[in-house]
């Protein structure tokens, strides 16, 4: 719960602050490949060593931003390649949508119909409609396990970091590399693919600094978002690219709620059938 609190608060504050300052939709996120890395490696280390590795990784990200080398690298990536990076990130989610067909064709078919109807009649609220219809179907069938769901505020828990060479090479450096290449590079590419040209060095420095401050509470990596950023930059938000930044501010507000109710959010997703989560994610992306 402390980790979710930290990630939600860190992402919420950075999304709101950066979007208000630059007046463009800037979303931050936790590192998804970083999470996969931690699942595979954290069992070999103490919690204090892991926290120490988070501090080192965030420090390296901050130094990358301050030095400006990442900004120089991104200037040489052409726009078509940036668009291809976005497509590569999103493709798997779209394909996973149709894996639901053999096990629950009724749910998939109904949600596809709701999606097409929403795109035609209420494009901005399509996913609200899809989620509502999906929850209604699962509720009628008794698939929602809401009985164990309780509203509960999360609270931060400080852990003093410990530093070791094993954690440096086993967690910190791999986490730094995957966050920079798989997340920050994709995040900058998506911003530029939508016509936004913010100061790359400043963004990377600020996300790294956020991680540096919140690492002792479990904030393992903060970076520029790719997947959620694409949602907040589309034409459905606003035809005028200069008026899309409030979407990122609202996303930050919801991240704050996610952080405050971290334990409840985890229980909520556990209450949803896996097929519903897969369908909603696939259609949204």
C-alpha atoms as a PDB file:
ATOM      1  CA  UNK A   1       0.000   0.000   0.000  1.00  0.00           C
ATOM      2  CA  UNK A   2       2.896   2.359   0.739  1.00  0.00           C
ATOM      3  CA  UNK A   3       4.402   1.704  -2.689  1.00  0.00           C
ATOM      4  CA  UNK A   4       1.081   2.418  -4.424  1.00  0.00           C
ATOM      5  CA  UNK A   5       0.642   5.557  -2.307  1.00  0.00           C
ATOM      6  CA  UNK A   6       4.101   6.743  -3.314  1.00  0.00           C
ATOM      7  CA  UNK A   7       3.673   5.994  -7.007  1.00  0.00           C
ATOM      8  CA  UNK A   8       0.210   7.585  -7.147  1.00  0.00           C
ATOM      9  CA  UNK A   9       1.225  10.752  -5.302  1.00  0.00           C
ATOM     10  CA  UNK A  10       4.481  11.113  -7.246  1.00  0.00           C
ATOM     11  CA  UNK A  11       2.801  10.627 -10.615  1.00  0.00           C
ATOM     12  CA  UNK A  12      -0.137  12.861  -9.704  1.00  0.00           C
ATOM     13  CA  UNK A  13       1.941  15.801  -8.513  1.00  0.00           C
ATOM     14  CA  UNK A  14       4.386  15.570 -11.438  1.00  0.00           C
ATOM     15  CA  UNK A  15       1.617  15.244 -14.064  1.00  0.00           C
ATOM     16  CA  UNK A  16      -0.265  18.246 -12.708  1.00  0.00           C
ATOM     17  CA  UNK A  17       2.830  20.382 -12.163  1.00  0.00           C
ATOM     18  CA  UNK A  18       4.519  19.691 -15.489  1.00  0.00           C
ATOM     19  CA  UNK A  19       1.315  20.042 -17.544  1.00  0.00           C
ATOM     20  CA  UNK A  20       0.401  23.346 -15.882  1.00  0.00           C
ATOM     21  CA  UNK A  21       3.928  24.702 -16.322  1.00  0.00           C
ATOM     22  CA  UNK A  22       4.475  23.696 -19.968  1.00  0.00           C
ATOM     23  CA  UNK A  23       0.791  23.896 -21.034  1.00  0.00           C
ATOM     24  CA  UNK A  24       1.137  20.623 -22.916  1.00  0.00           C
ATOM     25  CA  UNK A  25      -0.116  17.141 -21.899  1.00  0.00           C
ATOM     26  CA  UNK A  26       2.831  15.664 -19.999  1.00  0.00           C
ATOM     27  CA  UNK A  27       2.120  12.400 -18.216  1.00  0.00           C
ATOM     28  CA  UNK A  28       4.458  10.522 -15.951  1.00  0.00           C
ATOM     29  CA  UNK A  29       4.193   6.876 -14.978  1.00  0.00           C
ATOM     30  CA  UNK A  30       5.900   4.122 -13.106  1.00  0.00           C
ATOM     31  CA  UNK A  31       8.229   1.963 -15.148  1.00  0.00           C
ATOM     32  CA  UNK A  32       6.263  -1.027 -16.467  1.00  0.00           C
ATOM     33  CA  UNK A  33       9.344  -2.971 -17.669  1.00  0.00           C
ATOM     34  CA  UNK A  34      10.980  -1.923 -14.414  1.00  0.00           C
ATOM     35  CA  UNK A  35       8.165  -3.625 -12.499  1.00  0.00           C
ATOM     36  CA  UNK A  36       8.676  -6.797 -14.523  1.00  0.00           C
ATOM     37  CA  UNK A  37      12.388  -6.628 -13.718  1.00  0.00           C
ATOM     38  CA  UNK A  38      11.699  -6.237 -10.000  1.00  0.00           C
ATOM     39  CA  UNK A  39       9.341  -9.221  -9.968  1.00  0.00           C
ATOM     40  CA  UNK A  40      12.188 -11.366 -11.241  1.00  0.00           C
ATOM     41  CA  UNK A  41      15.007  -9.977  -9.061  1.00  0.00           C
ATOM     42  CA  UNK A  42      13.739  -8.569  -5.760  1.00  0.00           C
ATOM     43  CA  UNK A  43      13.570 -11.962  -4.070  1.00  0.00           C
ATOM     44  CA  UNK A  44      17.364 -12.063  -3.885  1.00  0.00           C
ATOM     45  CA  UNK A  45      17.696  -8.833  -1.856  1.00  0.00           C
ATOM     46  CA  UNK A  46      16.486  -7.274   1.366  1.00  0.00           C
ATOM     47  CA  UNK A  47      13.946  -4.470   1.224  1.00  0.00           C
ATOM     48  CA  UNK A  48      16.563  -1.963   2.406  1.00  0.00           C
ATOM     49  CA  UNK A  49      18.932  -3.022  -0.407  1.00  0.00           C
ATOM     50  CA  UNK A  50      16.117  -2.656  -2.931  1.00  0.00           C
ATOM     51  CA  UNK A  51      15.354   0.851  -1.659  1.00  0.00           C
ATOM     52  CA  UNK A  52      19.043   1.728  -1.947  1.00  0.00           C
ATOM     53  CA  UNK A  53      19.016   0.511  -5.557  1.00  0.00           C
ATOM     54  CA  UNK A  54      15.951   2.675  -6.272  1.00  0.00           C
ATOM     55  CA  UNK A  55      17.856   5.709  -4.958  1.00  0.00           C
ATOM     56  CA  UNK A  56      20.860   4.993  -7.175  1.00  0.00           C
ATOM     57  CA  UNK A  57      18.721   4.369 -10.278  1.00  0.00           C
ATOM     58  CA  UNK A  58      16.800   7.629  -9.776  1.00  0.00           C
ATOM     59  CA  UNK A  59      20.062   9.493  -9.211  1.00  0.00           C
ATOM     60  CA  UNK A  60      21.409   8.190 -12.533  1.00  0.00           C
ATOM     61  CA  UNK A  61      18.207   9.269 -14.311  1.00  0.00           C
ATOM     62  CA  UNK A  62      18.531  12.745 -12.781  1.00  0.00           C
ATOM     63  CA  UNK A  63      22.151  13.028 -13.920  1.00  0.00           C
ATOM     64  CA  UNK A  64      21.146  11.963 -17.455  1.00  0.00           C
ATOM     65  CA  UNK A  65      18.698  14.831 -17.592  1.00  0.00           C
ATOM     66  CA  UNK A  66      21.070  17.406 -16.140  1.00  0.00           C
ATOM     67  CA  UNK A  67      23.934  16.410 -18.455  1.00  0.00           C
ATOM     68  CA  UNK A  68      21.765  16.849 -21.561  1.00  0.00           C
ATOM     69  CA  UNK A  69      23.072  13.779 -23.398  1.00  0.00           C
ATOM     70  CA  UNK A  70      19.621  12.200 -23.600  1.00  0.00           C
ATOM     71  CA  UNK A  71      18.222  15.326 -25.251  1.00  0.00           C
ATOM     72  CA  UNK A  72      20.983  15.248 -27.861  1.00  0.00           C
ATOM     73  CA  UNK A  73      20.237  11.600 -28.594  1.00  0.00           C
ATOM     74  CA  UNK A  74      16.484  12.164 -29.024  1.00  0.00           C
ATOM     75  CA  UNK A  75      17.024  14.926 -31.599  1.00  0.00           C
ATOM     76  CA  UNK A  76      18.361  12.295 -34.021  1.00  0.00           C
ATOM     77  CA  UNK A  77      15.284  10.018 -33.831  1.00  0.00           C
ATOM     78  CA  UNK A  78      13.003  10.659 -36.869  1.00  0.00           C
ATOM     79  CA  UNK A  79       9.247  11.122 -36.430  1.00  0.00           C
ATOM     80  CA  UNK A  80       8.262   7.911 -38.345  1.00  0.00           C
ATOM     81  CA  UNK A  81      10.440   5.875 -35.993  1.00  0.00           C
ATOM     82  CA  UNK A  82       8.772   7.565 -33.022  1.00  0.00           C
ATOM     83  CA  UNK A  83       5.363   6.592 -34.402  1.00  0.00           C
ATOM     84  CA  UNK A  84       6.587   3.026 -34.917  1.00  0.00           C
ATOM     85  CA  UNK A  85       7.754   2.893 -31.288  1.00  0.00           C
ATOM     86  CA  UNK A  86       4.264   3.914 -30.166  1.00  0.00           C
ATOM     87  CA  UNK A  87       2.681   1.255 -32.378  1.00  0.00           C
ATOM     88  CA  UNK A  88       5.001  -1.379 -30.952  1.00  0.00           C
ATOM     89  CA  UNK A  89       4.049  -0.444 -27.393  1.00  0.00           C
ATOM     90  CA  UNK A  90       0.317  -0.569 -28.093  1.00  0.00           C
ATOM     91  CA  UNK A  91       0.105  -3.549 -30.456  1.00  0.00           C
ATOM     92  CA  UNK A  92       0.243  -6.257 -27.794  1.00  0.00           C
ATOM     93  CA  UNK A  93      -2.698  -4.768 -25.882  1.00  0.00           C
ATOM     94  CA  UNK A  94      -4.809  -4.651 -29.024  1.00  0.00           C
ATOM     95  CA  UNK A  95      -4.007  -8.258 -29.882  1.00  0.00           C
ATOM     96  CA  UNK A  96      -4.693  -9.444 -26.330  1.00  0.00           C
ATOM     97  CA  UNK A  97      -8.230  -8.120 -26.713  1.00  0.00           C
ATOM     98  CA  UNK A  98      -9.098 -10.913 -29.140  1.00  0.00           C
ATOM     99  CA  UNK A  99      -7.677 -13.610 -26.899  1.00  0.00           C
ATOM    100  CA  UNK A 100     -10.851 -13.131 -24.853  1.00  0.00           C
ATOM    101  CA  UNK A 101     -13.041 -14.285 -27.781  1.00  0.00           C
ATOM    102  CA  UNK A 102     -12.811 -18.077 -27.170  1.00  0.00           C
ATOM    103  CA  UNK A 103     -13.512 -17.819 -23.425  1.00  0.00           C
ATOM    104  CA  UNK A 104     -16.094 -15.014 -23.354  1.00  0.00           C
ATOM    105  CA  UNK A 105     -17.451 -14.085 -26.802  1.00  0.00           C
ATOM    106  CA  UNK A 106     -20.549 -12.398 -25.307  1.00  0.00           C
ATOM    107  CA  UNK A 107     -18.511  -9.936 -23.259  1.00  0.00           C
ATOM    108  CA  UNK A 108     -16.119  -9.144 -26.097  1.00  0.00           C
ATOM    109  CA  UNK A 109     -18.890  -8.764 -28.671  1.00  0.00           C
ATOM    110  CA  UNK A 110     -20.972  -6.495 -26.450  1.00  0.00           C
ATOM    111  CA  UNK A 111     -18.017  -4.290 -25.534  1.00  0.00           C
ATOM    112  CA  UNK A 112     -16.941  -4.009 -29.190  1.00  0.00           C
ATOM    113  CA  UNK A 113     -20.483  -2.911 -30.057  1.00  0.00           C
ATOM    114  CA  UNK A 114     -20.463  -0.372 -27.198  1.00  0.00           C
ATOM    115  CA  UNK A 115     -17.063   0.871 -28.362  1.00  0.00           C
ATOM    116  CA  UNK A 116     -18.200   1.385 -31.977  1.00  0.00           C
ATOM    117  CA  UNK A 117     -21.413   3.051 -30.839  1.00  0.00           C
ATOM    118  CA  UNK A 118     -19.531   5.327 -28.463  1.00  0.00           C
ATOM    119  CA  UNK A 119     -16.965   6.296 -31.093  1.00  0.00           C
ATOM    120  CA  UNK A 120     -19.809   7.308 -33.407  1.00  0.00           C
ATOM    121  CA  UNK A 121     -22.047   9.153 -30.925  1.00  0.00           C
ATOM    122  CA  UNK A 122     -19.881  10.224 -27.948  1.00  0.00           C
ATOM    123  CA  UNK A 123     -16.186   9.918 -28.914  1.00  0.00           C
ATOM    124  CA  UNK A 124     -14.873  11.660 -25.808  1.00  0.00           C
ATOM    125  CA  UNK A 125     -16.803   9.354 -23.456  1.00  0.00           C
ATOM    126  CA  UNK A 126     -16.384   6.087 -25.333  1.00  0.00           C
ATOM    127  CA  UNK A 127     -14.326   4.337 -22.668  1.00  0.00           C
ATOM    128  CA  UNK A 128     -16.660   5.423 -19.863  1.00  0.00           C
ATOM    129  CA  UNK A 129     -19.477   3.758 -21.797  1.00  0.00           C
ATOM    130  CA  UNK A 130     -17.406   0.611 -22.429  1.00  0.00           C
ATOM    131  CA  UNK A 131     -16.418   0.294 -18.773  1.00  0.00           C
ATOM    132  CA  UNK A 132     -19.995   0.851 -17.615  1.00  0.00           C
ATOM    133  CA  UNK A 133     -21.410  -1.760 -20.000  1.00  0.00           C
ATOM    134  CA  UNK A 134     -18.700  -4.243 -19.024  1.00  0.00           C
ATOM    135  CA  UNK A 135     -19.349  -3.798 -15.313  1.00  0.00           C
ATOM    136  CA  UNK A 136     -23.104  -4.156 -15.895  1.00  0.00           C
ATOM    137  CA  UNK A 137     -22.673  -7.445 -17.785  1.00  0.00           C
ATOM    138  CA  UNK A 138     -20.282  -8.875 -15.196  1.00  0.00           C
ATOM    139  CA  UNK A 139     -22.541  -7.731 -12.360  1.00  0.00           C
ATOM    140  CA  UNK A 140     -25.612  -9.400 -13.866  1.00  0.00           C
ATOM    141  CA  UNK A 141     -23.662 -12.624 -14.324  1.00  0.00           C
ATOM    142  CA  UNK A 142     -22.256 -12.452 -10.804  1.00  0.00           C
ATOM    143  CA  UNK A 143     -18.644 -12.156 -11.969  1.00  0.00           C
ATOM    144  CA  UNK A 144     -17.815  -9.045  -9.929  1.00  0.00           C
ATOM    145  CA  UNK A 145     -16.379  -9.952  -6.520  1.00  0.00           C
ATOM    146  CA  UNK A 146     -17.222  -6.665  -4.797  1.00  0.00           C
ATOM    147  CA  UNK A 147     -18.066  -8.185  -1.413  1.00  0.00           C
ATOM    148  CA  UNK A 148     -14.484  -8.001  -0.149  1.00  0.00           C
ATOM    149  CA  UNK A 149     -13.919  -4.424  -1.343  1.00  0.00           C
ATOM    150  CA  UNK A 150     -13.475  -1.848   1.423  1.00  0.00           C
ATOM    151  CA  UNK A 151     -12.466   1.801   1.147  1.00  0.00           C
ATOM    152  CA  UNK A 152      -9.178   2.220   2.921  1.00  0.00           C
ATOM    153  CA  UNK A 153      -6.661   5.061   2.909  1.00  0.00           C
ATOM    154  CA  UNK A 154      -3.050   4.105   2.272  1.00  0.00           C
ATOM    155  CA  UNK A 155      -0.198   5.611   4.261  1.00  0.00           C
ATOM    156  CA  UNK A 156       3.506   5.985   3.404  1.00  0.00           C
ATOM    157  CA  UNK A 157       6.094   3.833   5.153  1.00  0.00           C
ATOM    158  CA  UNK A 158       9.715   5.015   5.262  1.00  0.00           C
ATOM    159  CA  UNK A 159      12.456   2.430   4.708  1.00  0.00           C
ATOM    160  CA  UNK A 160      16.091   3.392   5.269  1.00  0.00           C
ATOM    161  CA  UNK A 161      18.155   2.502   2.180  1.00  0.00           C
ATOM    162  CA  UNK A 162      21.112   0.133   2.304  1.00  0.00           C
ATOM    163  CA  UNK A 163      23.711   0.018  -0.448  1.00  0.00           C
ATOM    164  CA  UNK A 164      25.545  -3.003  -1.819  1.00  0.00           C
ATOM    165  CA  UNK A 165      27.417  -3.888  -4.988  1.00  0.00           C
ATOM    166  CA  UNK A 166      25.097  -6.832  -5.632  1.00  0.00           C
ATOM    167  CA  UNK A 167      22.036  -4.549  -5.540  1.00  0.00           C
ATOM    168  CA  UNK A 168      23.840  -1.990  -7.706  1.00  0.00           C
ATOM    169  CA  UNK A 169      24.453  -4.481 -10.513  1.00  0.00           C
ATOM    170  CA  UNK A 170      21.379  -6.639  -9.879  1.00  0.00           C
ATOM    171  CA  UNK A 171      18.721  -3.915  -9.527  1.00  0.00           C
ATOM    172  CA  UNK A 172      19.924  -0.321  -9.898  1.00  0.00           C
ATOM    173  CA  UNK A 173      21.713  -0.456 -13.260  1.00  0.00           C
ATOM    174  CA  UNK A 174      19.169  -2.755 -15.012  1.00  0.00           C
ATOM    175  CA  UNK A 175      16.298  -0.617 -13.660  1.00  0.00           C
ATOM    176  CA  UNK A 176      17.999   2.550 -14.910  1.00  0.00           C
ATOM    177  CA  UNK A 177      18.620   1.067 -18.376  1.00  0.00           C
ATOM    178  CA  UNK A 178      15.106  -0.315 -18.959  1.00  0.00           C
ATOM    179  CA  UNK A 179      13.483   2.863 -17.633  1.00  0.00           C
ATOM    180  CA  UNK A 180      15.506   5.111 -19.929  1.00  0.00           C
ATOM    181  CA  UNK A 181      15.250   2.977 -23.066  1.00  0.00           C
ATOM    182  CA  UNK A 182      11.787   1.439 -22.769  1.00  0.00           C
ATOM    183  CA  UNK A 183       9.957   4.289 -21.028  1.00  0.00           C
ATOM    184  CA  UNK A 184      11.613   7.700 -21.277  1.00  0.00           C
ATOM    185  CA  UNK A 185      12.681   7.250 -24.878  1.00  0.00           C
ATOM    186  CA  UNK A 186       9.177   6.117 -25.861  1.00  0.00           C
ATOM    187  CA  UNK A 187       7.627   8.947 -23.828  1.00  0.00           C
ATOM    188  CA  UNK A 188       9.676  11.617 -25.587  1.00  0.00           C
ATOM    189  CA  UNK A 189       9.005   9.981 -28.959  1.00  0.00           C
ATOM    190  CA  UNK A 190       5.243  10.104 -28.377  1.00  0.00           C
ATOM    191  CA  UNK A 191       5.362  13.764 -27.349  1.00  0.00           C
ATOM    192  CA  UNK A 192       7.224  14.630 -30.546  1.00  0.00           C
ATOM    193  CA  UNK A 193       5.007  12.421 -32.693  1.00  0.00           C
ATOM    194  CA  UNK A 194       2.068  14.580 -31.553  1.00  0.00           C
ATOM    195  CA  UNK A 195       3.925  17.804 -32.335  1.00  0.00           C
ATOM    196  CA  UNK A 196       5.093  18.753 -28.831  1.00  0.00           C
ATOM    197  CA  UNK A 197       8.698  19.867 -28.303  1.00  0.00           C
ATOM    198  CA  UNK A 198       9.337  20.299 -24.559  1.00  0.00           C
ATOM    199  CA  UNK A 199      12.754  20.504 -22.943  1.00  0.00           C
ATOM    200  CA  UNK A 200      13.766  16.864 -22.754  1.00  0.00           C
ATOM    201  CA  UNK A 201      16.542  17.464 -20.231  1.00  0.00           C
ATOM    202  CA  UNK A 202      14.201  19.232 -17.816  1.00  0.00           C
ATOM    203  CA  UNK A 203      11.568  16.493 -18.005  1.00  0.00           C
ATOM    204  CA  UNK A 204      14.049  13.676 -17.436  1.00  0.00           C
ATOM    205  CA  UNK A 205      15.699  15.586 -14.569  1.00  0.00           C
ATOM    206  CA  UNK A 206      12.385  16.221 -12.824  1.00  0.00           C
ATOM    207  CA  UNK A 207      11.184  12.621 -13.098  1.00  0.00           C
ATOM    208  CA  UNK A 208      14.521  11.424 -11.767  1.00  0.00           C
ATOM    209  CA  UNK A 209      14.377  13.901  -8.888  1.00  0.00           C
ATOM    210  CA  UNK A 210      10.847  12.736  -8.049  1.00  0.00           C
ATOM    211  CA  UNK A 211      12.124   9.169  -7.806  1.00  0.00           C
ATOM    212  CA  UNK A 212      15.080  10.288  -5.714  1.00  0.00           C
ATOM    213  CA  UNK A 213      12.805  11.955  -3.166  1.00  0.00           C
ATOM    214  CA  UNK A 214      10.215   9.168  -2.998  1.00  0.00           C
ATOM    215  CA  UNK A 215      12.454   6.081  -3.275  1.00  0.00           C
ATOM    216  CA  UNK A 216      12.553   5.510   0.534  1.00  0.00           C
ATOM    217  CA  UNK A 217       8.755   5.111   0.460  1.00  0.00           C
ATOM    218  CA  UNK A 218       8.871   2.569  -2.381  1.00  0.00           C
ATOM    219  CA  UNK A 219       8.863   4.808  -5.468  1.00  0.00           C
ATOM    220  CA  UNK A 220      11.066   2.557  -7.546  1.00  0.00           C
ATOM    221  CA  UNK A 221      11.058   4.530 -10.828  1.00  0.00           C
ATOM    222  CA  UNK A 222       9.261   7.550 -12.246  1.00  0.00           C
ATOM    223  CA  UNK A 223       9.454   8.288 -15.968  1.00  0.00           C
ATOM    224  CA  UNK A 224       7.594   9.831 -18.880  1.00  0.00           C
ATOM    225  CA  UNK A 225       4.493   7.857 -19.796  1.00  0.00           C
ATOM    226  CA  UNK A 226       4.001   6.290 -23.209  1.00  0.00           C
ATOM    227  CA  UNK A 227       0.699   4.402 -23.193  1.00  0.00           C
ATOM    228  CA  UNK A 228      -1.392   6.756 -21.044  1.00  0.00           C
ATOM    229  CA  UNK A 229       0.263   9.770 -22.675  1.00  0.00           C
ATOM    230  CA  UNK A 230      -1.019   8.662 -26.073  1.00  0.00           C
ATOM    231  CA  UNK A 231      -4.579   8.566 -24.703  1.00  0.00           C
ATOM    232  CA  UNK A 232      -4.295  12.158 -23.423  1.00  0.00           C
ATOM    233  CA  UNK A 233      -2.861  13.503 -26.685  1.00  0.00           C
ATOM    234  CA  UNK A 234      -5.403  12.191 -29.175  1.00  0.00           C
ATOM    235  CA  UNK A 235      -7.914  14.182 -31.207  1.00  0.00           C
ATOM    236  CA  UNK A 236     -10.730  12.980 -28.933  1.00  0.00           C
ATOM    237  CA  UNK A 237      -9.329  15.174 -26.167  1.00  0.00           C
ATOM    238  CA  UNK A 238      -9.595  18.355 -28.232  1.00  0.00           C
ATOM    239  CA  UNK A 239      -9.121  19.133 -31.947  1.00  0.00           C
ATOM    240  CA  UNK A 240      -6.754  21.941 -30.917  1.00  0.00           C
ATOM    241  CA  UNK A 241      -3.394  20.525 -29.792  1.00  0.00           C
ATOM    242  CA  UNK A 242      -2.879  23.564 -27.560  1.00  0.00           C
ATOM    243  CA  UNK A 243      -5.977  22.702 -25.502  1.00  0.00           C
ATOM    244  CA  UNK A 244      -5.182  19.074 -24.646  1.00  0.00           C
ATOM    245  CA  UNK A 245      -3.070  19.690 -21.547  1.00  0.00           C
ATOM    246  CA  UNK A 246      -6.051  19.692 -19.103  1.00  0.00           C
ATOM    247  CA  UNK A 247      -6.474  15.971 -19.855  1.00  0.00           C
ATOM    248  CA  UNK A 248      -3.067  15.325 -18.291  1.00  0.00           C
ATOM    249  CA  UNK A 249      -3.993  17.480 -15.292  1.00  0.00           C
ATOM    250  CA  UNK A 250      -7.142  15.416 -14.754  1.00  0.00           C
ATOM    251  CA  UNK A 251      -5.089  12.239 -15.129  1.00  0.00           C
ATOM    252  CA  UNK A 252      -2.839  13.566 -12.374  1.00  0.00           C
ATOM    253  CA  UNK A 253      -5.882  14.128 -10.143  1.00  0.00           C
ATOM    254  CA  UNK A 254      -6.964  10.516 -10.641  1.00  0.00           C
ATOM    255  CA  UNK A 255      -3.405   9.361  -9.910  1.00  0.00           C
ATOM    256  CA  UNK A 256      -3.621  11.225  -6.602  1.00  0.00           C
ATOM    257  CA  UNK A 257      -6.817   9.337  -5.774  1.00  0.00           C
ATOM    258  CA  UNK A 258      -5.126   6.092  -6.785  1.00  0.00           C
ATOM    259  CA  UNK A 259      -2.307   6.851  -4.386  1.00  0.00           C
ATOM    260  CA  UNK A 260      -4.539   7.852  -1.481  1.00  0.00           C
ATOM    261  CA  UNK A 261      -6.616   4.671  -1.847  1.00  0.00           C
ATOM    262  CA  UNK A 262      -3.756   2.406  -2.945  1.00  0.00           C
ATOM    263  CA  UNK A 263      -4.913  -0.699  -1.095  1.00  0.00           C
ATOM    264  CA  UNK A 264      -8.481  -0.268  -2.335  1.00  0.00           C
ATOM    265  CA  UNK A 265      -7.379   0.115  -5.966  1.00  0.00           C
ATOM    266  CA  UNK A 266      -5.461  -3.164  -5.791  1.00  0.00           C
ATOM    267  CA  UNK A 267      -8.535  -4.897  -4.338  1.00  0.00           C
ATOM    268  CA  UNK A 268     -10.767  -3.337  -7.014  1.00  0.00           C
ATOM    269  CA  UNK A 269      -8.757  -4.815  -9.872  1.00  0.00           C
ATOM    270  CA  UNK A 270      -8.774  -8.165  -8.109  1.00  0.00           C
ATOM    271  CA  UNK A 271     -12.571  -7.950  -7.981  1.00  0.00           C
ATOM    272  CA  UNK A 272     -12.817  -7.455 -11.751  1.00  0.00           C
ATOM    273  CA  UNK A 273     -12.744 -10.541 -14.006  1.00  0.00           C
ATOM    274  CA  UNK A 274      -9.496 -10.793 -15.958  1.00  0.00           C
ATOM    275  CA  UNK A 275     -11.432 -10.815 -19.250  1.00  0.00           C
ATOM    276  CA  UNK A 276     -13.035  -7.461 -18.434  1.00  0.00           C
ATOM    277  CA  UNK A 277      -9.688  -5.848 -17.595  1.00  0.00           C
ATOM    278  CA  UNK A 278      -8.161  -7.191 -20.818  1.00  0.00           C
ATOM    279  CA  UNK A 279     -11.073  -5.962 -22.954  1.00  0.00           C
ATOM    280  CA  UNK A 280     -11.178  -2.479 -21.447  1.00  0.00           C
ATOM    281  CA  UNK A 281      -7.389  -2.058 -21.741  1.00  0.00           C
ATOM    282  CA  UNK A 282      -7.336  -3.306 -25.330  1.00  0.00           C
ATOM    283  CA  UNK A 283     -10.170  -1.039 -26.456  1.00  0.00           C
ATOM    284  CA  UNK A 284      -8.766   2.006 -24.654  1.00  0.00           C
ATOM    285  CA  UNK A 285      -5.369   1.633 -26.271  1.00  0.00           C
END
